[in-house]
Amino acid sequence: MVHAPTICLEGTNDPSYRPFTEDGEFPGDHTESEKESMDKKIAELEKLEMDLATRYGMVDCGEIDSVEIFDEAKFRAFSDLQFMSDAKQMDELEKLRYRRTMSLSGV
């Protein structure tokens, strides 16, 4: 006999329920000060991203490809641990951009 899965909503007592985000927040649940803080951190990491793009020779007519830069940072981190910090920061930038997009869309 096949049983349909149980669907539980947040606030239930089901211990197996976990929100779909790793930090337990829903993407749209941010205050204005949290959004400002997120935007500030994104701006800082975008400066690093541009520095990495320049260092990696990946700037084309002033444009950069964030995915390519993140991939290169990961490749370098796996090749030499001294680059691990760059890869972690680019990972953080990707996650923050996603969270910002979700909070702006109200999802």
PDB file of N, CA and C in Angstrom:
ATOM      1  N   MET A   1       0.835  -1.172   0.000  1.00  0.00           N
ATOM      2  CA  MET A   1       0.000   0.000   0.000  1.00  0.00           C
ATOM      3  C   MET A   1       0.890   1.249   0.000  1.00  0.00           C
ATOM      4  N   VAL A   2       0.599   2.199  -0.857  1.00  0.00           N
ATOM      5  CA  VAL A   2       1.373   3.431  -0.971  1.00  0.00           C
ATOM      6  C   VAL A   2       0.670   4.533  -0.190  1.00  0.00           C
ATOM      7  N   HIS A   3       1.441   5.234   0.625  1.00  0.00           N
ATOM      8  CA  HIS A   3       0.893   6.338   1.410  1.00  0.00           C
ATOM      9  C   HIS A   3       1.420   7.658   0.877  1.00  0.00           C
ATOM     10  N   ALA A   4       0.567   8.640   0.830  1.00  0.00           N
ATOM     11  CA  ALA A   4       0.994   9.983   0.420  1.00  0.00           C
ATOM     12  C   ALA A   4       1.841  10.581   1.532  1.00  0.00           C
ATOM     13  N   PRO A   5       2.863  11.354   1.180  1.00  0.00           N
ATOM     14  CA  PRO A   5       3.700  11.976   2.208  1.00  0.00           C
ATOM     15  C   PRO A   5       2.890  12.974   3.030  1.00  0.00           C
ATOM     16  N   THR A   6       3.274  13.093   4.285  1.00  0.00           N
ATOM     17  CA  THR A   6       2.634  14.060   5.164  1.00  0.00           C
ATOM     18  C   THR A   6       3.236  15.427   4.908  1.00  0.00           C
ATOM     19  N   ILE A   7       2.408  16.419   4.743  1.00  0.00           N
ATOM     20  CA  ILE A   7       2.880  17.781   4.518  1.00  0.00           C
ATOM     21  C   ILE A   7       2.638  18.572   5.789  1.00  0.00           C
ATOM     22  N   CYS A   8       3.707  19.131   6.349  1.00  0.00           N
ATOM     23  CA  CYS A   8       3.601  19.904   7.580  1.00  0.00           C
ATOM     24  C   CYS A   8       4.002  21.342   7.311  1.00  0.00           C
ATOM     25  N   LEU A   9       3.350  22.242   7.951  1.00  0.00           N
ATOM     26  CA  LEU A   9       3.662  23.656   7.812  1.00  0.00           C
ATOM     27  C   LEU A   9       4.508  24.112   8.981  1.00  0.00           C
ATOM     28  N   GLU A  10       5.240  25.212   8.775  1.00  0.00           N
ATOM     29  CA  GLU A  10       6.052  25.768   9.851  1.00  0.00           C
ATOM     30  C   GLU A  10       5.159  26.063  11.042  1.00  0.00           C
ATOM     31  N   GLY A  11       5.692  25.806  12.228  1.00  0.00           N
ATOM     32  CA  GLY A  11       4.920  26.042  13.432  1.00  0.00           C
ATOM     33  C   GLY A  11       4.259  24.773  13.939  1.00  0.00           C
ATOM     34  N   THR A  12       4.353  23.691  13.162  1.00  0.00           N
ATOM     35  CA  THR A  12       3.809  22.432  13.647  1.00  0.00           C
ATOM     36  C   THR A  12       4.820  21.804  14.580  1.00  0.00           C
ATOM     37  N   ASN A  13       4.419  20.765  15.260  1.00  0.00           N
ATOM     38  CA  ASN A  13       5.310  20.091  16.202  1.00  0.00           C
ATOM     39  C   ASN A  13       6.094  18.963  15.559  1.00  0.00           C
ATOM     40  N   ASP A  14       6.022  18.832  14.268  1.00  0.00           N
ATOM     41  CA  ASP A  14       6.734  17.769  13.568  1.00  0.00           C
ATOM     42  C   ASP A  14       8.228  18.083  13.542  1.00  0.00           C
ATOM     43  N   PRO A  15       9.065  17.289  14.253  1.00  0.00           N
ATOM     44  CA  PRO A  15      10.502  17.586  14.301  1.00  0.00           C
ATOM     45  C   PRO A  15      11.211  17.361  12.978  1.00  0.00           C
ATOM     46  N   SER A  16      10.589  16.633  12.047  1.00  0.00           N
ATOM     47  CA  SER A  16      11.249  16.386  10.767  1.00  0.00           C
ATOM     48  C   SER A  16      11.089  17.546   9.796  1.00  0.00           C
ATOM     49  N   TYR A  17      10.217  18.514  10.143  1.00  0.00           N
ATOM     50  CA  TYR A  17       9.998  19.653   9.253  1.00  0.00           C
ATOM     51  C   TYR A  17      11.196  20.579   9.292  1.00  0.00           C
ATOM     52  N   ARG A  18      11.676  20.953   8.124  1.00  0.00           N
ATOM     53  CA  ARG A  18      12.756  21.929   8.018  1.00  0.00           C
ATOM     54  C   ARG A  18      12.429  22.864   6.874  1.00  0.00           C
ATOM     55  N   PRO A  19      12.586  24.168   7.087  1.00  0.00           N
ATOM     56  CA  PRO A  19      12.390  25.099   5.975  1.00  0.00           C
ATOM     57  C   PRO A  19      13.386  24.784   4.861  1.00  0.00           C
ATOM     58  N   PHE A  20      13.104  25.266   3.672  1.00  0.00           N
ATOM     59  CA  PHE A  20      13.941  24.931   2.523  1.00  0.00           C
ATOM     60  C   PHE A  20      15.252  25.686   2.469  1.00  0.00           C
ATOM     61  N   THR A  21      15.494  26.626   3.369  1.00  0.00           N
ATOM     62  CA  THR A  21      16.773  27.327   3.370  1.00  0.00           C
ATOM     63  C   THR A  21      17.637  26.793   4.488  1.00  0.00           C
ATOM     64  N   GLU A  22      18.952  26.847   4.295  1.00  0.00           N
ATOM     65  CA  GLU A  22      19.851  26.251   5.266  1.00  0.00           C
ATOM     66  C   GLU A  22      19.892  26.996   6.589  1.00  0.00           C
ATOM     67  N   ASP A  23      19.585  28.271   6.615  1.00  0.00           N
ATOM     68  CA  ASP A  23      19.641  29.015   7.871  1.00  0.00           C
ATOM     69  C   ASP A  23      18.285  29.074   8.563  1.00  0.00           C
ATOM     70  N   GLY A  24      17.293  28.370   8.030  1.00  0.00           N
ATOM     71  CA  GLY A  24      15.987  28.309   8.668  1.00  0.00           C
ATOM     72  C   GLY A  24      15.088  29.494   8.394  1.00  0.00           C
ATOM     73  N   GLU A  25      15.538  30.431   7.590  1.00  0.00           N
ATOM     74  CA  GLU A  25      14.726  31.594   7.255  1.00  0.00           C
ATOM     75  C   GLU A  25      14.104  31.398   5.888  1.00  0.00           C
ATOM     76  N   PHE A  26      12.943  31.980   5.721  1.00  0.00           N
ATOM     77  CA  PHE A  26      12.375  32.022   4.390  1.00  0.00           C
ATOM     78  C   PHE A  26      12.948  33.242   3.695  1.00  0.00           C
ATOM     79  N   PRO A  27      13.219  33.172   2.394  1.00  0.00           N
ATOM     80  CA  PRO A  27      13.913  34.249   1.692  1.00  0.00           C
ATOM     81  C   PRO A  27      13.324  35.636   1.863  1.00  0.00           C
ATOM     82  N   GLY A  28      12.042  35.788   1.978  1.00  0.00           N
ATOM     83  CA  GLY A  28      11.447  37.115   2.081  1.00  0.00           C
ATOM     84  C   GLY A  28      11.386  37.672   3.494  1.00  0.00           C
ATOM     85  N   ASP A  29      11.876  36.923   4.473  1.00  0.00           N
ATOM     86  CA  ASP A  29      11.774  37.318   5.873  1.00  0.00           C
ATOM     87  C   ASP A  29      12.970  38.147   6.335  1.00  0.00           C
ATOM     88  N   HIS A  30      13.158  39.327   5.790  1.00  0.00           N
ATOM     89  CA  HIS A  30      14.277  40.178   6.189  1.00  0.00           C
ATOM     90  C   HIS A  30      13.774  41.582   6.475  1.00  0.00           C
ATOM     91  N   THR A  31      14.302  42.178   7.555  1.00  0.00           N
ATOM     92  CA  THR A  31      13.957  43.559   7.868  1.00  0.00           C
ATOM     93  C   THR A  31      14.737  44.483   6.946  1.00  0.00           C
ATOM     94  N   GLU A  32      14.367  45.754   6.950  1.00  0.00           N
ATOM     95  CA  GLU A  32      15.087  46.728   6.113  1.00  0.00           C
ATOM     96  C   GLU A  32      16.556  46.812   6.514  1.00  0.00           C
ATOM     97  N   SER A  33      16.868  46.797   7.811  1.00  0.00           N
ATOM     98  CA  SER A  33      18.267  46.883   8.233  1.00  0.00           C
ATOM     99  C   SER A  33      19.036  45.633   7.819  1.00  0.00           C
ATOM    100  N   GLU A  34      18.377  44.467   7.837  1.00  0.00           N
ATOM    101  CA  GLU A  34      19.029  43.245   7.367  1.00  0.00           C
ATOM    102  C   GLU A  34      19.300  43.329   5.871  1.00  0.00           C
ATOM    103  N   LYS A  35      18.360  43.892   5.128  1.00  0.00           N
ATOM    104  CA  LYS A  35      18.558  44.055   3.684  1.00  0.00           C
ATOM    105  C   LYS A  35      19.701  45.021   3.402  1.00  0.00           C
ATOM    106  N   GLU A  36      19.779  46.116   4.166  1.00  0.00           N
ATOM    107  CA  GLU A  36      20.871  47.078   3.987  1.00  0.00           C
ATOM    108  C   GLU A  36      22.210  46.437   4.313  1.00  0.00           C
ATOM    109  N   SER A  37      22.249  45.663   5.382  1.00  0.00           N
ATOM    110  CA  SER A  37      23.471  44.964   5.764  1.00  0.00           C
ATOM    111  C   SER A  37      23.878  43.965   4.685  1.00  0.00           C
ATOM    112  N   MET A  38      22.893  43.261   4.135  1.00  0.00           N
ATOM    113  CA  MET A  38      23.149  42.303   3.064  1.00  0.00           C
ATOM    114  C   MET A  38      23.698  43.022   1.831  1.00  0.00           C
ATOM    115  N   ASP A  39      23.099  44.153   1.471  1.00  0.00           N
ATOM    116  CA  ASP A  39      23.563  44.925   0.315  1.00  0.00           C
ATOM    117  C   ASP A  39      24.987  45.428   0.517  1.00  0.00           C
ATOM    118  N   LYS A  40      25.309  45.838   1.741  1.00  0.00           N
ATOM    119  CA  LYS A  40      26.665  46.318   2.044  1.00  0.00           C
ATOM    120  C   LYS A  40      27.674  45.180   1.884  1.00  0.00           C
ATOM    121  N   LYS A  41      27.341  44.011   2.415  1.00  0.00           N
ATOM    122  CA  LYS A  41      28.241  42.861   2.309  1.00  0.00           C
ATOM    123  C   LYS A  41      28.391  42.442   0.846  1.00  0.00           C
ATOM    124  N   ILE A  42      27.303  42.474   0.088  1.00  0.00           N
ATOM    125  CA  ILE A  42      27.370  42.140  -1.338  1.00  0.00           C
ATOM    126  C   ILE A  42      28.306  43.102  -2.056  1.00  0.00           C
ATOM    127  N   ALA A  43      28.205  44.393  -1.760  1.00  0.00           N
ATOM    128  CA  ALA A  43      29.074  45.389  -2.403  1.00  0.00           C
ATOM    129  C   ALA A  43      30.541  45.113  -2.090  1.00  0.00           C
ATOM    130  N   GLU A  44      30.838  44.758  -0.838  1.00  0.00           N
ATOM    131  CA  GLU A  44      32.220  44.431  -0.460  1.00  0.00           C
ATOM    132  C   GLU A  44      32.722  43.218  -1.238  1.00  0.00           C
ATOM    133  N   LEU A  45      31.892  42.196  -1.316  1.00  0.00           N
ATOM    134  CA  LEU A  45      32.292  40.979  -2.016  1.00  0.00           C
ATOM    135  C   LEU A  45      32.374  41.192  -3.524  1.00  0.00           C
ATOM    136  N   GLU A  46      31.570  42.089  -4.060  1.00  0.00           N
ATOM    137  CA  GLU A  46      31.653  42.388  -5.495  1.00  0.00           C
ATOM    138  C   GLU A  46      32.961  43.096  -5.835  1.00  0.00           C
ATOM    139  N   LYS A  47      33.489  43.887  -4.900  1.00  0.00           N
ATOM    140  CA  LYS A  47      34.815  44.487  -5.117  1.00  0.00           C
ATOM    141  C   LYS A  47      35.870  43.392  -5.194  1.00  0.00           C
ATOM    142  N   LEU A  48      35.790  42.426  -4.277  1.00  0.00           N
ATOM    143  CA  LEU A  48      36.719  41.297  -4.321  1.00  0.00           C
ATOM    144  C   LEU A  48      36.548  40.526  -5.625  1.00  0.00           C
ATOM    145  N   GLU A  49      35.311  40.331  -6.046  1.00  0.00           N
ATOM    146  CA  GLU A  49      35.035  39.616  -7.293  1.00  0.00           C
ATOM    147  C   GLU A  49      35.714  40.308  -8.478  1.00  0.00           C
ATOM    148  N   MET A  50      35.627  41.621  -8.528  1.00  0.00           N
ATOM    149  CA  MET A  50      36.275  42.370  -9.610  1.00  0.00           C
ATOM    150  C   MET A  50      37.792  42.245  -9.513  1.00  0.00           C
ATOM    151  N   ASP A  51      38.331  42.291  -8.289  1.00  0.00           N
ATOM    152  CA  ASP A  51      39.773  42.108  -8.103  1.00  0.00           C
ATOM    153  C   ASP A  51      40.209  40.725  -8.591  1.00  0.00           C
ATOM    154  N   LEU A  52      39.431  39.713  -8.244  1.00  0.00           N
ATOM    155  CA  LEU A  52      39.758  38.358  -8.691  1.00  0.00           C
ATOM    156  C   LEU A  52      39.672  38.251 -10.211  1.00  0.00           C
ATOM    157  N   ALA A  53      38.655  38.850 -10.799  1.00  0.00           N
ATOM    158  CA  ALA A  53      38.510  38.826 -12.256  1.00  0.00           C
ATOM    159  C   ALA A  53      39.733  39.447 -12.921  1.00  0.00           C
ATOM    160  N   THR A  54      40.196  40.547 -12.359  1.00  0.00           N
ATOM    161  CA  THR A  54      41.389  41.207 -12.895  1.00  0.00           C
ATOM    162  C   THR A  54      42.608  40.309 -12.726  1.00  0.00           C
ATOM    163  N   ARG A  55      42.767  39.745 -11.530  1.00  0.00           N
ATOM    164  CA  ARG A  55      43.896  38.864 -11.250  1.00  0.00           C
ATOM    165  C   ARG A  55      43.890  37.632 -12.152  1.00  0.00           C
ATOM    166  N   TYR A  56      42.706  37.100 -12.418  1.00  0.00           N
ATOM    167  CA  TYR A  56      42.581  35.902 -13.242  1.00  0.00           C
ATOM    168  C   TYR A  56      42.595  36.214 -14.736  1.00  0.00           C
ATOM    169  N   GLY A  57      42.622  37.501 -15.111  1.00  0.00           N
ATOM    170  CA  GLY A  57      42.586  37.882 -16.519  1.00  0.00           C
ATOM    171  C   GLY A  57      41.237  37.602 -17.161  1.00  0.00           C
ATOM    172  N   MET A  58      40.155  37.830 -16.397  1.00  0.00           N
ATOM    173  CA  MET A  58      38.815  37.485 -16.868  1.00  0.00           C
ATOM    174  C   MET A  58      37.919  38.706 -17.037  1.00  0.00           C
ATOM    175  N   VAL A  59      38.511  39.872 -17.261  1.00  0.00           N
ATOM    176  CA  VAL A  59      37.721  41.084 -17.498  1.00  0.00           C
ATOM    177  C   VAL A  59      37.686  41.311 -18.999  1.00  0.00           C
ATOM    178  N   ASP A  60      36.483  41.419 -19.552  1.00  0.00           N
ATOM    179  CA  ASP A  60      36.314  41.610 -20.983  1.00  0.00           C
ATOM    180  C   ASP A  60      35.515  42.886 -21.208  1.00  0.00           C
ATOM    181  N   CYS A  61      36.177  43.932 -21.695  1.00  0.00           N
ATOM    182  CA  CYS A  61      35.525  45.223 -21.951  1.00  0.00           C
ATOM    183  C   CYS A  61      34.822  45.755 -20.702  1.00  0.00           C
ATOM    184  N   GLY A  62      35.448  45.567 -19.558  1.00  0.00           N
ATOM    185  CA  GLY A  62      34.875  46.049 -18.307  1.00  0.00           C
ATOM    186  C   GLY A  62      33.806  45.155 -17.727  1.00  0.00           C
ATOM    187  N   GLU A  63      33.471  44.076 -18.416  1.00  0.00           N
ATOM    188  CA  GLU A  63      32.432  43.143 -17.964  1.00  0.00           C
ATOM    189  C   GLU A  63      33.078  41.893 -17.375  1.00  0.00           C
ATOM    190  N   ILE A  64      32.397  41.304 -16.401  1.00  0.00           N
ATOM    191  CA  ILE A  64      32.871  40.054 -15.827  1.00  0.00           C
ATOM    192  C   ILE A  64      31.727  39.048 -15.806  1.00  0.00           C
ATOM    193  N   ASP A  65      32.085  37.774 -15.753  1.00  0.00           N
ATOM    194  CA  ASP A  65      31.112  36.687 -15.653  1.00  0.00           C
ATOM    195  C   ASP A  65      31.262  36.084 -14.258  1.00  0.00           C
ATOM    196  N   SER A  66      30.323  36.377 -13.380  1.00  0.00           N
ATOM    197  CA  SER A  66      30.400  35.946 -11.987  1.00  0.00           C
ATOM    198  C   SER A  66      30.513  34.436 -11.838  1.00  0.00           C
ATOM    199  N   VAL A  67      29.808  33.698 -12.669  1.00  0.00           N
ATOM    200  CA  VAL A  67      29.854  32.236 -12.591  1.00  0.00           C
ATOM    201  C   VAL A  67      31.247  31.739 -12.941  1.00  0.00           C
ATOM    202  N   GLU A  68      31.830  32.290 -13.989  1.00  0.00           N
ATOM    203  CA  GLU A  68      33.182  31.888 -14.395  1.00  0.00           C
ATOM    204  C   GLU A  68      34.210  32.225 -13.314  1.00  0.00           C
ATOM    205  N   ILE A  69      34.054  33.372 -12.689  1.00  0.00           N
ATOM    206  CA  ILE A  69      34.990  33.769 -11.634  1.00  0.00           C
ATOM    207  C   ILE A  69      34.865  32.824 -10.446  1.00  0.00           C
ATOM    208  N   PHE A  70      33.637  32.499 -10.054  1.00  0.00           N
ATOM    209  CA  PHE A  70      33.423  31.562  -8.953  1.00  0.00           C
ATOM    210  C   PHE A  70      34.015  30.201  -9.295  1.00  0.00           C
ATOM    211  N   ASP A  71      33.797  29.730 -10.523  1.00  0.00           N
ATOM    212  CA  ASP A  71      34.366  28.448 -10.949  1.00  0.00           C
ATOM    213  C   ASP A  71      35.891  28.470 -10.890  1.00  0.00           C
ATOM    214  N   GLU A  72      36.485  29.558 -11.344  1.00  0.00           N
ATOM    215  CA  GLU A  72      37.951  29.677 -11.312  1.00  0.00           C
ATOM    216  C   GLU A  72      38.457  29.716  -9.877  1.00  0.00           C
ATOM    217  N   ALA A  73      37.752  30.425  -9.006  1.00  0.00           N
ATOM    218  CA  ALA A  73      38.146  30.492  -7.593  1.00  0.00           C
ATOM    219  C   ALA A  73      38.094  29.097  -6.964  1.00  0.00           C
ATOM    220  N   LYS A  74      37.045  28.325  -7.287  1.00  0.00           N
ATOM    221  CA  LYS A  74      36.950  26.954  -6.760  1.00  0.00           C
ATOM    222  C   LYS A  74      38.073  26.086  -7.318  1.00  0.00           C
ATOM    223  N   PHE A  75      38.341  26.204  -8.612  1.00  0.00           N
ATOM    224  CA  PHE A  75      39.410  25.427  -9.231  1.00  0.00           C
ATOM    225  C   PHE A  75      40.742  25.715  -8.546  1.00  0.00           C
ATOM    226  N   ARG A  76      41.030  26.992  -8.330  1.00  0.00           N
ATOM    227  CA  ARG A  76      42.291  27.366  -7.685  1.00  0.00           C
ATOM    228  C   ARG A  76      42.341  26.885  -6.238  1.00  0.00           C
ATOM    229  N   ALA A  77      41.207  26.927  -5.542  1.00  0.00           N
ATOM    230  CA  ALA A  77      41.165  26.476  -4.149  1.00  0.00           C
ATOM    231  C   ALA A  77      41.455  24.978  -4.050  1.00  0.00           C
ATOM    232  N   PHE A  78      40.925  24.204  -4.996  1.00  0.00           N
ATOM    233  CA  PHE A  78      41.185  22.768  -4.978  1.00  0.00           C
ATOM    234  C   PHE A  78      42.623  22.456  -5.385  1.00  0.00           C
ATOM    235  N   SER A  79      43.248  23.339  -6.149  1.00  0.00           N
ATOM    236  CA  SER A  79      44.631  23.156  -6.575  1.00  0.00           C
ATOM    237  C   SER A  79      45.616  23.602  -5.506  1.00  0.00           C
ATOM    238  N   ASP A  80      45.251  24.633  -4.744  1.00  0.00           N
ATOM    239  CA  ASP A  80      46.154  25.209  -3.744  1.00  0.00           C
ATOM    240  C   ASP A  80      45.308  25.839  -2.636  1.00  0.00           C
ATOM    241  N   LEU A  81      45.458  25.343  -1.430  1.00  0.00           N
ATOM    242  CA  LEU A  81      44.619  25.791  -0.310  1.00  0.00           C
ATOM    243  C   LEU A  81      44.761  27.274   0.023  1.00  0.00           C
ATOM    244  N   GLN A  82      45.818  27.928  -0.456  1.00  0.00           N
ATOM    245  CA  GLN A  82      45.948  29.360  -0.170  1.00  0.00           C
ATOM    246  C   GLN A  82      44.837  30.176  -0.838  1.00  0.00           C
ATOM    247  N   PHE A  83      44.145  29.580  -1.814  1.00  0.00           N
ATOM    248  CA  PHE A  83      43.056  30.260  -2.512  1.00  0.00           C
ATOM    249  C   PHE A  83      41.675  29.916  -1.940  1.00  0.00           C
ATOM    250  N   MET A  84      41.634  29.124  -0.871  1.00  0.00           N
ATOM    251  CA  MET A  84      40.357  28.684  -0.302  1.00  0.00           C
ATOM    252  C   MET A  84      39.503  29.865   0.153  1.00  0.00           C
ATOM    253  N   SER A  85      40.109  30.875   0.730  1.00  0.00           N
ATOM    254  CA  SER A  85      39.360  32.040   1.213  1.00  0.00           C
ATOM    255  C   SER A  85      38.616  32.731   0.072  1.00  0.00           C
ATOM    256  N   ASP A  86      39.267  32.857  -1.078  1.00  0.00           N
ATOM    257  CA  ASP A  86      38.614  33.480  -2.237  1.00  0.00           C
ATOM    258  C   ASP A  86      37.375  32.685  -2.649  1.00  0.00           C
ATOM    259  N   ALA A  87      37.505  31.361  -2.698  1.00  0.00           N
ATOM    260  CA  ALA A  87      36.376  30.517  -3.095  1.00  0.00           C
ATOM    261  C   ALA A  87      35.235  30.622  -2.086  1.00  0.00           C
ATOM    262  N   LYS A  88      35.571  30.636  -0.809  1.00  0.00           N
ATOM    263  CA  LYS A  88      34.528  30.748   0.224  1.00  0.00           C
ATOM    264  C   LYS A  88      33.795  32.081   0.123  1.00  0.00           C
ATOM    265  N   GLN A  89      34.539  33.141  -0.154  1.00  0.00           N
ATOM    266  CA  GLN A  89      33.905  34.453  -0.268  1.00  0.00           C
ATOM    267  C   GLN A  89      33.030  34.556  -1.517  1.00  0.00           C
ATOM    268  N   MET A  90      33.449  33.928  -2.612  1.00  0.00           N
ATOM    269  CA  MET A  90      32.615  33.929  -3.812  1.00  0.00           C
ATOM    270  C   MET A  90      31.359  33.078  -3.597  1.00  0.00           C
ATOM    271  N   ASP A  91      31.481  32.017  -2.817  1.00  0.00           N
ATOM    272  CA  ASP A  91      30.312  31.214  -2.452  1.00  0.00           C
ATOM    273  C   ASP A  91      29.349  32.051  -1.605  1.00  0.00           C
ATOM    274  N   GLU A  92      29.896  32.798  -0.654  1.00  0.00           N
ATOM    275  CA  GLU A  92      29.061  33.674   0.171  1.00  0.00           C
ATOM    276  C   GLU A  92      28.357  34.720  -0.691  1.00  0.00           C
ATOM    277  N   LEU A  93      29.076  35.283  -1.667  1.00  0.00           N
ATOM    278  CA  LEU A  93      28.484  36.278  -2.562  1.00  0.00           C
ATOM    279  C   LEU A  93      27.314  35.676  -3.338  1.00  0.00           C
ATOM    280  N   GLU A  94      27.491  34.473  -3.853  1.00  0.00           N
ATOM    281  CA  GLU A  94      26.414  33.815  -4.601  1.00  0.00           C
ATOM    282  C   GLU A  94      25.178  33.618  -3.715  1.00  0.00           C
ATOM    283  N   LYS A  95      25.389  33.167  -2.486  1.00  0.00           N
ATOM    284  CA  LYS A  95      24.266  32.939  -1.566  1.00  0.00           C
ATOM    285  C   LYS A  95      23.572  34.244  -1.192  1.00  0.00           C
ATOM    286  N   LEU A  96      24.357  35.291  -0.949  1.00  0.00           N
ATOM    287  CA  LEU A  96      23.760  36.582  -0.610  1.00  0.00           C
ATOM    288  C   LEU A  96      22.962  37.151  -1.777  1.00  0.00           C
ATOM    289  N   ARG A  97      23.481  37.010  -2.980  1.00  0.00           N
ATOM    290  CA  ARG A  97      22.743  37.485  -4.153  1.00  0.00           C
ATOM    291  C   ARG A  97      21.416  36.747  -4.286  1.00  0.00           C
ATOM    292  N   TYR A  98      21.435  35.460  -4.037  1.00  0.00           N
ATOM    293  CA  TYR A  98      20.203  34.674  -4.101  1.00  0.00           C
ATOM    294  C   TYR A  98      19.216  35.156  -3.039  1.00  0.00           C
ATOM    295  N   ARG A  99      19.689  35.323  -1.815  1.00  0.00           N
ATOM    296  CA  ARG A  99      18.811  35.780  -0.729  1.00  0.00           C
ATOM    297  C   ARG A  99      18.235  37.157  -1.039  1.00  0.00           C
ATOM    298  N   ARG A 100      19.054  38.048  -1.594  1.00  0.00           N
ATOM    299  CA  ARG A 100      18.569  39.384  -1.940  1.00  0.00           C
ATOM    300  C   ARG A 100      17.500  39.296  -3.023  1.00  0.00           C
ATOM    301  N   THR A 101      17.747  38.482  -4.035  1.00  0.00           N
ATOM    302  CA  THR A 101      16.771  38.316  -5.107  1.00  0.00           C
ATOM    303  C   THR A 101      15.452  37.788  -4.558  1.00  0.00           C
ATOM    304  N   MET A 102      15.522  36.807  -3.676  1.00  0.00           N
ATOM    305  CA  MET A 102      14.307  36.238  -3.097  1.00  0.00           C
ATOM    306  C   MET A 102      13.589  37.259  -2.213  1.00  0.00           C
ATOM    307  N   SER A 103      14.340  38.059  -1.476  1.00  0.00           N
ATOM    308  CA  SER A 103      13.685  39.043  -0.604  1.00  0.00           C
ATOM    309  C   SER A 103      13.056  40.164  -1.427  1.00  0.00           C
ATOM    310  N   LEU A 104      13.662  40.512  -2.557  1.00  0.00           N
ATOM    311  CA  LEU A 104      13.091  41.554  -3.411  1.00  0.00           C
ATOM    312  C   LEU A 104      11.841  41.069  -4.128  1.00  0.00           C
ATOM    313  N   SER A 105      11.822  39.768  -4.441  1.00  0.00           N
ATOM    314  CA  SER A 105      10.656  39.235  -5.145  1.00  0.00           C
ATOM    315  C   SER A 105       9.518  38.900  -4.184  1.00  0.00           C
ATOM    316  N   GLY A 106       9.821  38.934  -2.885  1.00  0.00           N
ATOM    317  CA  GLY A 106       8.787  38.670  -1.890  1.00  0.00           C
ATOM    318  C   GLY A 106       8.403  37.215  -1.765  1.00  0.00           C
ATOM    319  N   VAL A 107       9.261  36.339  -2.280  1.00  0.00           N
ATOM    320  CA  VAL A 107       8.982  34.900  -2.206  1.00  0.00           C
ATOM    321  C   VAL A 107       9.175  34.423  -0.790  1.00  0.00           C
TER     322      VAL A 107
END
